[in-house]
Every structure is written in C-alpha cells, then in structure tokens.
PDB file of N, CA and C in Angstrom:
ATOM      1  N   MET A   1       9.130 -63.309  58.817  1.00  0.00           N
ATOM      2  CA  MET A   1       8.160 -63.956  59.169  1.00  0.00           C
ATOM      3  C   MET A   1       7.559 -62.155  60.268  1.00  0.00           C
ATOM      4  N   GLY A   2       6.499 -62.042  59.489  1.00  0.00           N
ATOM      5  CA  GLY A   2       5.774 -60.924  60.559  1.00  0.00           C
ATOM      6  C   GLY A   2       4.684 -61.031  61.610  1.00  0.00           C
ATOM      7  N   SER A   3       4.013 -60.260  62.274  1.00  0.00           N
ATOM      8  CA  SER A   3       2.736 -60.297  62.895  1.00  0.00           C
ATOM      9  C   SER A   3       2.011 -60.633  62.205  1.00  0.00           C
ATOM     10  N   HIS A   4       0.758 -61.610  62.846  1.00  0.00           N
ATOM     11  CA  HIS A   4      -0.366 -61.500  62.463  1.00  0.00           C
ATOM     12  C   HIS A   4      -1.461 -61.687  63.271  1.00  0.00           C
ATOM     13  N   SER A   5      -2.436 -61.136  63.355  1.00  0.00           N
ATOM     14  CA  SER A   5      -3.896 -61.394  64.072  1.00  0.00           C
ATOM     15  C   SER A   5      -4.630 -62.096  63.684  1.00  0.00           C
ATOM     16  N   ILE A   6      -5.595 -62.886  64.741  1.00  0.00           N
ATOM     17  CA  ILE A   6      -6.355 -63.907  64.427  1.00  0.00           C
ATOM     18  C   ILE A   6      -7.441 -63.275  63.432  1.00  0.00           C
ATOM     19  N   PRO A   7      -7.951 -64.364  62.827  1.00  0.00           N
ATOM     20  CA  PRO A   7      -8.879 -63.680  61.393  1.00  0.00           C
ATOM     21  C   PRO A   7      -9.916 -63.492  61.733  1.00  0.00           C
ATOM     22  N   GLY A   8     -10.417 -62.224  61.328  1.00  0.00           N
ATOM     23  CA  GLY A   8     -11.748 -61.150  61.837  1.00  0.00           C
ATOM     24  C   GLY A   8     -11.428 -60.588  63.134  1.00  0.00           C
ATOM     25  N   VAL A   9      -9.757 -60.207  63.780  1.00  0.00           N
ATOM     26  CA  VAL A   9     -10.462 -59.030  64.598  1.00  0.00           C
ATOM     27  C   VAL A   9     -10.278 -57.335  64.185  1.00  0.00           C
ATOM     28  N   TRP A  10      -9.343 -57.737  62.958  1.00  0.00           N
ATOM     29  CA  TRP A  10      -9.962 -56.232  62.542  1.00  0.00           C
ATOM     30  C   TRP A  10     -10.882 -55.745  61.732  1.00  0.00           C
ATOM     31  N   GLY A  11     -12.016 -57.101  61.525  1.00  0.00           N
ATOM     32  CA  GLY A  11     -13.795 -56.600  61.099  1.00  0.00           C
ATOM     33  C   GLY A  11     -14.190 -56.260  62.319  1.00  0.00           C
ATOM     34  N   MET A  12     -14.029 -57.385  63.369  1.00  0.00           N
ATOM     35  CA  MET A  12     -14.918 -57.120  64.340  1.00  0.00           C
ATOM     36  C   MET A  12     -14.109 -55.615  65.353  1.00  0.00           C
ATOM     37  N   SER A  13     -12.761 -55.171  65.105  1.00  0.00           N
ATOM     38  CA  SER A  13     -12.341 -54.079  66.115  1.00  0.00           C
ATOM     39  C   SER A  13     -13.165 -52.906  65.087  1.00  0.00           C
ATOM     40  N   TYR A  14     -13.453 -52.742  64.218  1.00  0.00           N
ATOM     41  CA  TYR A  14     -13.728 -51.768  63.321  1.00  0.00           C
ATOM     42  C   TYR A  14     -15.239 -51.399  63.429  1.00  0.00           C
ATOM     43  N   LYS A  15     -16.313 -52.718  63.305  1.00  0.00           N
ATOM     44  CA  LYS A  15     -17.590 -52.640  63.826  1.00  0.00           C
ATOM     45  C   LYS A  15     -17.586 -52.089  65.237  1.00  0.00           C
ATOM     46  N   THR A  16     -16.908 -52.621  65.965  1.00  0.00           N
ATOM     47  CA  THR A  16     -16.740 -52.027  67.776  1.00  0.00           C
ATOM     48  C   THR A  16     -16.339 -50.788  67.530  1.00  0.00           C
ATOM     49  N   PHE A  17     -15.430 -50.311  66.826  1.00  0.00           N
ATOM     50  CA  PHE A  17     -15.314 -48.556  67.449  1.00  0.00           C
ATOM     51  C   PHE A  17     -16.496 -47.840  66.276  1.00  0.00           C
ATOM     52  N   GLY A  18     -16.908 -48.300  65.755  1.00  0.00           N
ATOM     53  CA  GLY A  18     -18.042 -47.379  64.543  1.00  0.00           C
ATOM     54  C   GLY A  18     -19.318 -47.660  65.399  1.00  0.00           C
ATOM     55  N   GLY A  19     -19.241 -48.972  66.064  1.00  0.00           N
ATOM     56  CA  GLY A  19     -20.867 -48.629  67.101  1.00  0.00           C
ATOM     57  C   GLY A  19     -20.407 -47.919  68.119  1.00  0.00           C
ATOM     58  N   VAL A  20     -19.277 -48.053  68.627  1.00  0.00           N
ATOM     59  CA  VAL A  20     -18.984 -47.095  70.382  1.00  0.00           C
ATOM     60  C   VAL A  20     -19.141 -45.767  70.023  1.00  0.00           C
ATOM     61  N   LYS A  21     -18.653 -45.160  68.801  1.00  0.00           N
ATOM     62  CA  LYS A  21     -18.556 -43.790  68.427  1.00  0.00           C
ATOM     63  C   LYS A  21     -19.752 -43.315  68.105  1.00  0.00           C
ATOM     64  N   SER A  22     -20.828 -44.140  67.765  1.00  0.00           N
ATOM     65  CA  SER A  22     -22.122 -44.187  67.331  1.00  0.00           C
ATOM     66  C   SER A  22     -22.741 -44.040  68.387  1.00  0.00           C
ATOM     67  N   CYS A  23     -22.909 -44.807  69.145  1.00  0.00           N
ATOM     68  CA  CYS A  23     -23.532 -44.852  70.455  1.00  0.00           C
ATOM     69  C   CYS A  23     -23.399 -43.771  71.177  1.00  0.00           C
ATOM     70  N   CYS A  24     -21.815 -43.410  71.325  1.00  0.00           N
ATOM     71  CA  CYS A  24     -21.478 -42.079  72.244  1.00  0.00           C
ATOM     72  C   CYS A  24     -21.792 -40.725  71.734  1.00  0.00           C
ATOM     73  N   TYR A  25     -22.294 -40.853  70.233  1.00  0.00           N
ATOM     74  CA  TYR A  25     -22.330 -39.106  69.930  1.00  0.00           C
ATOM     75  C   TYR A  25     -24.071 -39.502  69.895  1.00  0.00           C
ATOM     76  N   ILE A  26     -24.505 -40.103  70.137  1.00  0.00           N
ATOM     77  CA  ILE A  26     -25.780 -40.293  70.090  1.00  0.00           C
ATOM     78  C   ILE A  26     -26.482 -39.939  71.685  1.00  0.00           C
ATOM     79  N   VAL A  27     -26.093 -40.508  72.777  1.00  0.00           N
ATOM     80  CA  VAL A  27     -25.814 -40.161  74.084  1.00  0.00           C
ATOM     81  C   VAL A  27     -25.385 -38.876  74.455  1.00  0.00           C
ATOM     82  N   LEU A  28     -24.272 -38.287  73.685  1.00  0.00           N
ATOM     83  CA  LEU A  28     -24.290 -37.041  74.151  1.00  0.00           C
ATOM     84  C   LEU A  28     -24.748 -36.241  73.448  1.00  0.00           C
ATOM     85  N   SER A  29     -25.315 -36.126  72.048  1.00  0.00           N
ATOM     86  CA  SER A  29     -26.098 -35.532  71.482  1.00  0.00           C
ATOM     87  C   SER A  29     -27.195 -35.461  72.068  1.00  0.00           C
ATOM     88  N   VAL A  30     -27.998 -36.487  73.133  1.00  0.00           N
ATOM     89  CA  VAL A  30     -29.420 -36.270  73.378  1.00  0.00           C
ATOM     90  C   VAL A  30     -28.826 -35.262  74.785  1.00  0.00           C
ATOM     91  N   LEU A  31     -28.114 -35.995  75.700  1.00  0.00           N
ATOM     92  CA  LEU A  31     -27.384 -35.573  76.802  1.00  0.00           C
ATOM     93  C   LEU A  31     -27.540 -33.548  76.671  1.00  0.00           C
ATOM     94  N   CYS A  32     -26.776 -33.419  75.692  1.00  0.00           N
ATOM     95  CA  CYS A  32     -25.738 -32.098  75.408  1.00  0.00           C
ATOM     96  C   CYS A  32     -26.546 -31.148  74.583  1.00  0.00           C
ATOM     97  N   GLY A  33     -27.067 -32.113  73.490  1.00  0.00           N
ATOM     98  CA  GLY A  33     -27.996 -31.055  72.750  1.00  0.00           C
ATOM     99  C   GLY A  33     -28.905 -30.396  72.625  1.00  0.00           C
ATOM    100  N   CYS A  34     -29.810 -31.206  73.445  1.00  0.00           N
ATOM    101  CA  CYS A  34     -30.911 -30.253  73.761  1.00  0.00           C
ATOM    102  C   CYS A  34     -30.841 -29.054  74.814  1.00  0.00           C
ATOM    103  N   PRO A  35     -29.835 -28.999  75.605  1.00  0.00           N
ATOM    104  CA  PRO A  35     -29.687 -27.802  76.577  1.00  0.00           C
ATOM    105  C   PRO A  35     -29.323 -27.419  75.740  1.00  0.00           C
ATOM    106  N   LEU A  36     -28.238 -27.584  75.106  1.00  0.00           N
ATOM    107  CA  LEU A  36     -27.164 -26.295  74.524  1.00  0.00           C
ATOM    108  C   LEU A  36     -28.314 -25.048  73.330  1.00  0.00           C
ATOM    109  N   ALA A  37     -28.659 -26.512  72.866  1.00  0.00           N
ATOM    110  CA  ALA A  37     -29.995 -25.302  71.925  1.00  0.00           C
ATOM    111  C   ALA A  37     -30.756 -24.595  72.511  1.00  0.00           C
ATOM    112  N   PHE A  38     -31.116 -25.322  73.595  1.00  0.00           N
ATOM    113  CA  PHE A  38     -32.189 -23.734  74.513  1.00  0.00           C
ATOM    114  C   PHE A  38     -31.425 -23.337  74.964  1.00  0.00           C
ATOM    115  N   CYS A  39     -29.801 -23.102  75.104  1.00  0.00           N
ATOM    116  CA  CYS A  39     -29.082 -21.938  75.547  1.00  0.00           C
ATOM    117  C   CYS A  39     -28.564 -20.954  74.363  1.00  0.00           C
ATOM    118  N   TRP A  40     -28.480 -21.643  73.439  1.00  0.00           N
ATOM    119  CA  TRP A  40     -28.239 -20.869  71.742  1.00  0.00           C
ATOM    120  C   TRP A  40     -29.466 -20.083  71.607  1.00  0.00           C
ATOM    121  N   ALA A  41     -30.787 -20.740  71.839  1.00  0.00           N
ATOM    122  CA  ALA A  41     -31.925 -19.747  71.634  1.00  0.00           C
ATOM    123  C   ALA A  41     -32.357 -18.823  72.060  1.00  0.00           C
ATOM    124  N   LEU A  42     -31.868 -18.726  73.618  1.00  0.00           N
ATOM    125  CA  LEU A  42     -31.883 -17.681  74.789  1.00  0.00           C
ATOM    126  C   LEU A  42     -30.900 -16.248  73.831  1.00  0.00           C
ATOM    127  N   GLN A  43     -29.968 -16.763  73.432  1.00  0.00           N
ATOM    128  CA  GLN A  43     -28.750 -16.071  73.206  1.00  0.00           C
ATOM    129  C   GLN A  43     -29.291 -15.157  71.985  1.00  0.00           C
ATOM    130  N   PHE A  44     -29.585 -15.770  70.902  1.00  0.00           N
ATOM    131  CA  PHE A  44     -29.727 -15.639  69.538  1.00  0.00           C
ATOM    132  C   PHE A  44     -31.395 -14.752  69.721  1.00  0.00           C
ATOM    133  N   SER A  45     -32.374 -15.228  70.643  1.00  0.00           N
ATOM    134  CA  SER A  45     -33.275 -14.620  70.939  1.00  0.00           C
ATOM    135  C   SER A  45     -32.718 -13.063  71.527  1.00  0.00           C
ATOM    136  N   CYS A  46     -32.434 -12.850  72.420  1.00  0.00           N
ATOM    137  CA  CYS A  46     -31.810 -11.851  73.228  1.00  0.00           C
ATOM    138  C   CYS A  46     -30.815 -10.647  72.330  1.00  0.00           C
ATOM    139  N   VAL A  47     -30.080 -11.202  71.552  1.00  0.00           N
ATOM    140  CA  VAL A  47     -29.238 -10.615  70.247  1.00  0.00           C
ATOM    141  C   VAL A  47     -30.361  -9.874  69.253  1.00  0.00           C
ATOM    142  N   GLN A  48     -31.226 -10.526  69.176  1.00  0.00           N
ATOM    143  CA  GLN A  48     -32.220 -10.261  67.722  1.00  0.00           C
ATOM    144  C   GLN A  48     -33.207  -8.993  68.657  1.00  0.00           C
ATOM    145  N   CYS A  49     -33.686  -9.218  69.874  1.00  0.00           N
ATOM    146  CA  CYS A  49     -34.560  -8.799  70.726  1.00  0.00           C
ATOM    147  C   CYS A  49     -34.108  -7.083  70.853  1.00  0.00           C
ATOM    148  N   CYS A  50     -32.359  -6.862  71.136  1.00  0.00           N
ATOM    149  CA  CYS A  50     -31.778  -5.883  71.505  1.00  0.00           C
ATOM    150  C   CYS A  50     -31.357  -5.015  70.126  1.00  0.00           C
ATOM    151  N   HIS A  51     -31.633  -5.881  69.024  1.00  0.00           N
ATOM    152  CA  HIS A  51     -30.901  -5.254  67.646  1.00  0.00           C
ATOM    153  C   HIS A  51     -32.090  -4.572  67.280  1.00  0.00           C
ATOM    154  N   VAL A  52     -33.631  -5.272  67.388  1.00  0.00           N
ATOM    155  CA  VAL A  52     -35.017  -4.844  66.734  1.00  0.00           C
ATOM    156  C   VAL A  52     -35.783  -3.291  67.652  1.00  0.00           C
ATOM    157  N   TRP A  53     -35.065  -3.821  68.971  1.00  0.00           N
ATOM    158  CA  TRP A  53     -35.907  -2.469  69.963  1.00  0.00           C
ATOM    159  C   TRP A  53     -34.556  -1.901  70.165  1.00  0.00           C
ATOM    160  N   CYS A  54     -33.622  -1.741  70.353  1.00  0.00           N
ATOM    161  CA  CYS A  54     -32.733  -0.693  70.626  1.00  0.00           C
ATOM    162  C   CYS A  54     -31.737  -0.218  69.732  1.00  0.00           C
ATOM    163  N   ILE A  55     -30.939  -1.216  69.099  1.00  0.00           N
ATOM    164  CA  ILE A  55     -29.880  -0.644  68.010  1.00  0.00           C
ATOM    165  C   ILE A  55     -30.579   0.030  67.218  1.00  0.00           C
ATOM    166  N   GLY A  56     -31.464  -0.322  66.586  1.00  0.00           N
ATOM    167  CA  GLY A  56     -31.799  -0.113  65.265  1.00  0.00           C
ATOM    168  C   GLY A  56     -32.840   1.327  65.517  1.00  0.00           C
ATOM    169  N   PRO A  57     -33.561   1.440  66.058  1.00  0.00           N
ATOM    170  CA  PRO A  57     -33.883   2.990  66.636  1.00  0.00           C
ATOM    171  C   PRO A  57     -32.939   3.587  66.890  1.00  0.00           C
ATOM    172  N   CYS A  58     -31.825   3.384  67.581  1.00  0.00           N
ATOM    173  CA  CYS A  58     -30.954   4.637  67.938  1.00  0.00           C
ATOM    174  C   CYS A  58     -30.092   5.016  66.675  1.00  0.00           C
ATOM    175  N   VAL A  59     -29.905   3.907  65.644  1.00  0.00           N
ATOM    176  CA  VAL A  59     -29.252   4.381  64.800  1.00  0.00           C
ATOM    177  C   VAL A  59     -30.376   4.850  63.577  1.00  0.00           C
ATOM    178  N   LYS A  60     -31.160   4.504  63.407  1.00  0.00           N
ATOM    179  CA  LYS A  60     -32.089   5.456  62.793  1.00  0.00           C
ATOM    180  C   LYS A  60     -32.529   6.741  63.411  1.00  0.00           C
ATOM    181  N   SER A  61     -32.343   7.186  64.878  1.00  0.00           N
ATOM    182  CA  SER A  61     -32.557   8.291  65.555  1.00  0.00           C
ATOM    183  C   SER A  61     -31.373   8.915  65.356  1.00  0.00           C
ATOM    184  N   TRP A  62     -30.165   8.518  65.377  1.00  0.00           N
ATOM    185  CA  TRP A  62     -28.788   9.124  64.865  1.00  0.00           C
ATOM    186  C   TRP A  62     -28.777   9.382  63.357  1.00  0.00           C
ATOM    187  N   ASP A  63     -29.262   9.019  62.726  1.00  0.00           N
ATOM    188  CA  ASP A  63     -29.231   9.345  61.358  1.00  0.00           C
ATOM    189  C   ASP A  63     -30.187  10.442  60.830  1.00  0.00           C
ATOM    190  N   MET A  64     -31.117  10.653  61.598  1.00  0.00           N
ATOM    191  CA  MET A  64     -32.387  11.736  61.160  1.00  0.00           C
ATOM    192  C   MET A  64     -31.863  12.971  62.319  1.00  0.00           C
ATOM    193  N   ASN A  65     -31.081  12.664  63.357  1.00  0.00           N
ATOM    194  CA  ASN A  65     -30.079  13.919  63.981  1.00  0.00           C
ATOM    195  C   ASN A  65     -29.444  14.652  63.225  1.00  0.00           C
ATOM    196  N   PHE A  66     -28.279  13.935  62.428  1.00  0.00           N
ATOM    197  CA  PHE A  66     -27.234  14.296  62.195  1.00  0.00           C
ATOM    198  C   PHE A  66     -27.074  14.811  60.683  1.00  0.00           C
ATOM    199  N   SER A  67     -28.450  14.025  59.666  1.00  0.00           N
ATOM    200  CA  SER A  67     -28.752  14.569  58.710  1.00  0.00           C
ATOM    201  C   SER A  67     -28.096  15.885  58.210  1.00  0.00           C
ATOM    202  N   CYS A  68     -28.990  16.861  58.982  1.00  0.00           N
ATOM    203  CA  CYS A  68     -28.684  18.597  58.707  1.00  0.00           C
ATOM    204  C   CYS A  68     -27.352  18.758  58.828  1.00  0.00           C
ATOM    205  N   LEU A  69     -26.580  18.357  59.493  1.00  0.00           N
ATOM    206  CA  LEU A  69     -25.227  18.221  60.134  1.00  0.00           C
ATOM    207  C   LEU A  69     -24.340  17.744  58.710  1.00  0.00           C
ATOM    208  N   LYS A  70     -24.513  16.623  58.305  1.00  0.00           N
ATOM    209  CA  LYS A  70     -23.872  16.230  57.360  1.00  0.00           C
ATOM    210  C   LYS A  70     -23.952  17.450  56.098  1.00  0.00           C
ATOM    211  N   LYS A  71     -25.234  17.713  55.763  1.00  0.00           N
ATOM    212  CA  LYS A  71     -25.333  18.444  54.551  1.00  0.00           C
ATOM    213  C   LYS A  71     -24.681  19.814  54.740  1.00  0.00           C
ATOM    214  N   PHE A  72     -24.381  20.337  55.883  1.00  0.00           N
ATOM    215  CA  PHE A  72     -23.758  21.306  55.973  1.00  0.00           C
ATOM    216  C   PHE A  72     -22.376  21.349  55.864  1.00  0.00           C
ATOM    217  N   TRP A  73     -21.758  20.130  56.859  1.00  0.00           N
ATOM    218  CA  TRP A  73     -20.470  19.786  56.787  1.00  0.00           C
ATOM    219  C   TRP A  73     -19.925  19.433  55.261  1.00  0.00           C
ATOM    220  N   SER A  74     -20.736  18.808  54.390  1.00  0.00           N
ATOM    221  CA  SER A  74     -20.645  18.449  53.239  1.00  0.00           C
ATOM    222  C   SER A  74     -20.443  19.943  52.146  1.00  0.00           C
ATOM    223  N   SER A  75     -21.554  20.790  52.584  1.00  0.00           N
ATOM    224  CA  SER A  75     -21.660  22.276  52.153  1.00  0.00           C
ATOM    225  C   SER A  75     -20.200  22.958  52.249  1.00  0.00           C
ATOM    226  N   CYS A  76     -19.747  22.911  53.383  1.00  0.00           N
ATOM    227  CA  CYS A  76     -18.163  23.656  53.779  1.00  0.00           C
ATOM    228  C   CYS A  76     -17.463  23.169  53.177  1.00  0.00           C
ATOM    229  N   VAL A  77     -17.113  21.858  52.831  1.00  0.00           N
ATOM    230  CA  VAL A  77     -16.052  21.012  52.640  1.00  0.00           C
ATOM    231  C   VAL A  77     -16.060  21.235  51.215  1.00  0.00           C
ATOM    232  N   HIS A  78     -16.728  21.102  50.452  1.00  0.00           N
ATOM    233  CA  HIS A  78     -16.877  21.726  49.105  1.00  0.00           C
ATOM    234  C   HIS A  78     -16.579  23.120  48.878  1.00  0.00           C
ATOM    235  N   CYS A  79     -17.611  24.086  49.195  1.00  0.00           N
ATOM    236  CA  CYS A  79     -16.550  25.333  48.898  1.00  0.00           C
ATOM    237  C   CYS A  79     -15.763  25.923  49.455  1.00  0.00           C
ATOM    238  N   LEU A  80     -14.902  25.457  50.374  1.00  0.00           N
ATOM    239  CA  LEU A  80     -13.748  25.615  50.568  1.00  0.00           C
ATOM    240  C   LEU A  80     -12.912  24.356  49.842  1.00  0.00           C
ATOM    241  N   CYS A  81     -12.683  23.195  49.336  1.00  0.00           N
ATOM    242  CA  CYS A  81     -11.934  22.576  49.047  1.00  0.00           C
ATOM    243  C   CYS A  81     -11.970  22.303  47.247  1.00  0.00           C
ATOM    244  N   ASP A  82     -13.107  22.644  46.731  1.00  0.00           N
ATOM    245  CA  ASP A  82     -13.262  22.424  45.624  1.00  0.00           C
ATOM    246  C   ASP A  82     -12.810  23.486  44.762  1.00  0.00           C
ATOM    247  N   PRO A  83     -12.569  24.466  45.012  1.00  0.00           N
ATOM    248  CA  PRO A  83     -11.756  25.710  44.184  1.00  0.00           C
ATOM    249  C   PRO A  83      -9.911  25.173  43.734  1.00  0.00           C
ATOM    250  N   CYS A  84      -9.582  25.045  45.047  1.00  0.00           N
ATOM    251  CA  CYS A  84      -8.271  24.590  45.179  1.00  0.00           C
ATOM    252  C   CYS A  84      -8.361  23.608  44.339  1.00  0.00           C
ATOM    253  N   TYR A  85      -9.069  22.608  44.951  1.00  0.00           N
ATOM    254  CA  TYR A  85      -8.494  21.439  43.990  1.00  0.00           C
ATOM    255  C   TYR A  85      -8.543  21.529  42.269  1.00  0.00           C
ATOM    256  N   GLU A  86      -9.702  21.985  41.614  1.00  0.00           N
ATOM    257  CA  GLU A  86      -9.966  22.481  40.934  1.00  0.00           C
ATOM    258  C   GLU A  86      -8.784  23.434  40.268  1.00  0.00           C
ATOM    259  N   ALA A  87      -8.081  23.871  40.744  1.00  0.00           N
ATOM    260  CA  ALA A  87      -7.096  25.217  40.421  1.00  0.00           C
ATOM    261  C   ALA A  87      -6.021  24.115  40.101  1.00  0.00           C
ATOM    262  N   CYS A  88      -5.630  23.440  41.176  1.00  0.00           N
ATOM    263  CA  CYS A  88      -4.431  22.217  40.678  1.00  0.00           C
ATOM    264  C   CYS A  88      -4.790  21.775  39.743  1.00  0.00           C
ATOM    265  N   GLY A  89      -5.806  21.386  39.650  1.00  0.00           N
ATOM    266  CA  GLY A  89      -6.132  20.077  38.155  1.00  0.00           C
ATOM    267  C   GLY A  89      -5.473  20.898  37.188  1.00  0.00           C
ATOM    268  N   LEU A  90      -6.294  22.496  36.892  1.00  0.00           N
ATOM    269  CA  LEU A  90      -5.753  23.006  36.032  1.00  0.00           C
ATOM    270  C   LEU A  90      -4.617  23.572  35.836  1.00  0.00           C
ATOM    271  N   CYS A  91      -3.752  23.410  36.766  1.00  0.00           N
ATOM    272  CA  CYS A  91      -2.053  23.940  36.714  1.00  0.00           C
ATOM    273  C   CYS A  91      -1.583  22.689  36.227  1.00  0.00           C
ATOM    274  N   PHE A  92      -1.795  21.620  36.767  1.00  0.00           N
ATOM    275  CA  PHE A  92      -0.995  20.304  36.691  1.00  0.00           C
ATOM    276  C   PHE A  92      -1.906  19.936  34.947  1.00  0.00           C
ATOM    277  N   PHE A  93      -2.826  20.102  34.041  1.00  0.00           N
ATOM    278  CA  PHE A  93      -3.332  19.680  32.979  1.00  0.00           C
ATOM    279  C   PHE A  93      -2.516  19.853  31.833  1.00  0.00           C
ATOM    280  N   SER A  94      -1.749  21.202  32.235  1.00  0.00           N
ATOM    281  CA  SER A  94      -1.249  21.688  31.442  1.00  0.00           C
ATOM    282  C   SER A  94       0.490  20.958  31.146  1.00  0.00           C
ATOM    283  N   LEU A  95       0.680  20.666  32.551  1.00  0.00           N
ATOM    284  CA  LEU A  95       2.292  20.317  32.471  1.00  0.00           C
ATOM    285  C   LEU A  95       2.075  18.789  32.547  1.00  0.00           C
ATOM    286  N   ILE A  96       1.027  18.286  32.166  1.00  0.00           N
ATOM    287  CA  ILE A  96       1.066  16.168  32.125  1.00  0.00           C
ATOM    288  C   ILE A  96       0.581  16.180  30.978  1.00  0.00           C
ATOM    289  N   ARG A  97       1.323  15.436  29.536  1.00  0.00           N
ATOM    290  CA  ARG A  97       0.517  14.996  28.499  1.00  0.00           C
ATOM    291  C   ARG A  97       1.011  13.872  28.963  1.00  0.00           C
ATOM    292  N   VAL A  98      -0.239  12.692  28.174  1.00  0.00           N
ATOM    293  CA  VAL A  98      -0.697  11.047  28.347  1.00  0.00           C
ATOM    294  C   VAL A  98      -0.203  11.142  26.762  1.00  0.00           C
ATOM    295  N   GLN A  99       0.388  10.165  26.866  1.00  0.00           N
ATOM    296  CA  GLN A  99       1.062  10.043  25.166  1.00  0.00           C
ATOM    297  C   GLN A  99       0.012   8.609  24.890  1.00  0.00           C
ATOM    298  N   ASN A 100      -0.726   8.154  24.184  1.00  0.00           N
ATOM    299  CA  ASN A 100      -1.516   6.878  23.591  1.00  0.00           C
ATOM    300  C   ASN A 100      -0.323   6.312  22.764  1.00  0.00           C
ATOM    301  N   LYS A 101       0.166   4.994  23.195  1.00  0.00           N
ATOM    302  CA  LYS A 101       0.692   4.167  22.330  1.00  0.00           C
ATOM    303  C   LYS A 101       0.000   3.039  21.775  1.00  0.00           C
ATOM    304  N   SER A 102      -0.435   3.169  20.474  1.00  0.00           N
ATOM    305  CA  SER A 102      -0.943   1.793  19.979  1.00  0.00           C
ATOM    306  C   SER A 102      -0.002   1.587  19.112  1.00  0.00           C
ATOM    307  N   GLY A 103      -0.205  -0.019  18.886  1.00  0.00           N
ATOM    308  CA  GLY A 103       0.456  -0.906  18.098  1.00  0.00           C
ATOM    309  C   GLY A 103       0.611  -1.198  16.835  1.00  0.00           C
TER     310      GLY A 103
END
C-alpha cells in the first residue's frame, strides 16, 4: 500500500506555487527592475559618450598621424624582403614538381 495525499492537494500546491512565483516576480521586478534599468541606462550612456567623444576621435587622429609612417614602413619592407622572397621562390620552383593525378 502506497502513500496518498488528500484529493486536490497536488492541484492546489501547483496553483499556490505558480501564484507565489508570479507575485514575487512582479514585486521584485517593480522594486528592482526600475532602479536597475536606470543604472544600466546611465552606464551605457556614459560608455557611448566616451566612444563618440573620446575614443573615436583618438583612433581617427592615430590613423591620420601614422598613415605616412605606415606607407614608409611598407615600402621599406617590400624593398628589402621582396627580392629575397622572389629569388627563393625561383630557386625552389625548379626543385619542386607537382604532379596532377587525375583519375
């Protein structure tokens, strides 16, 4: 013989659980949701302001000031390295053969 509860207890306990959970969520979201939304709005607005007025212009200034240095460095690297790479490529081109095995 197994244990049995009074008829309707499971239904009432399910409804009680659901009701308390819903009421608790509503109360907590009203008490905590509005202040937290206000705090997150302040946080995101400060981050956005910093990106628009500080970080964006700083990055643009960096790009403008160092674009000539980038071109100079790129030219130096290409002038010094490209001949060596081309010579090595030509040396290895005659040593390596790739065979096409088609079926």
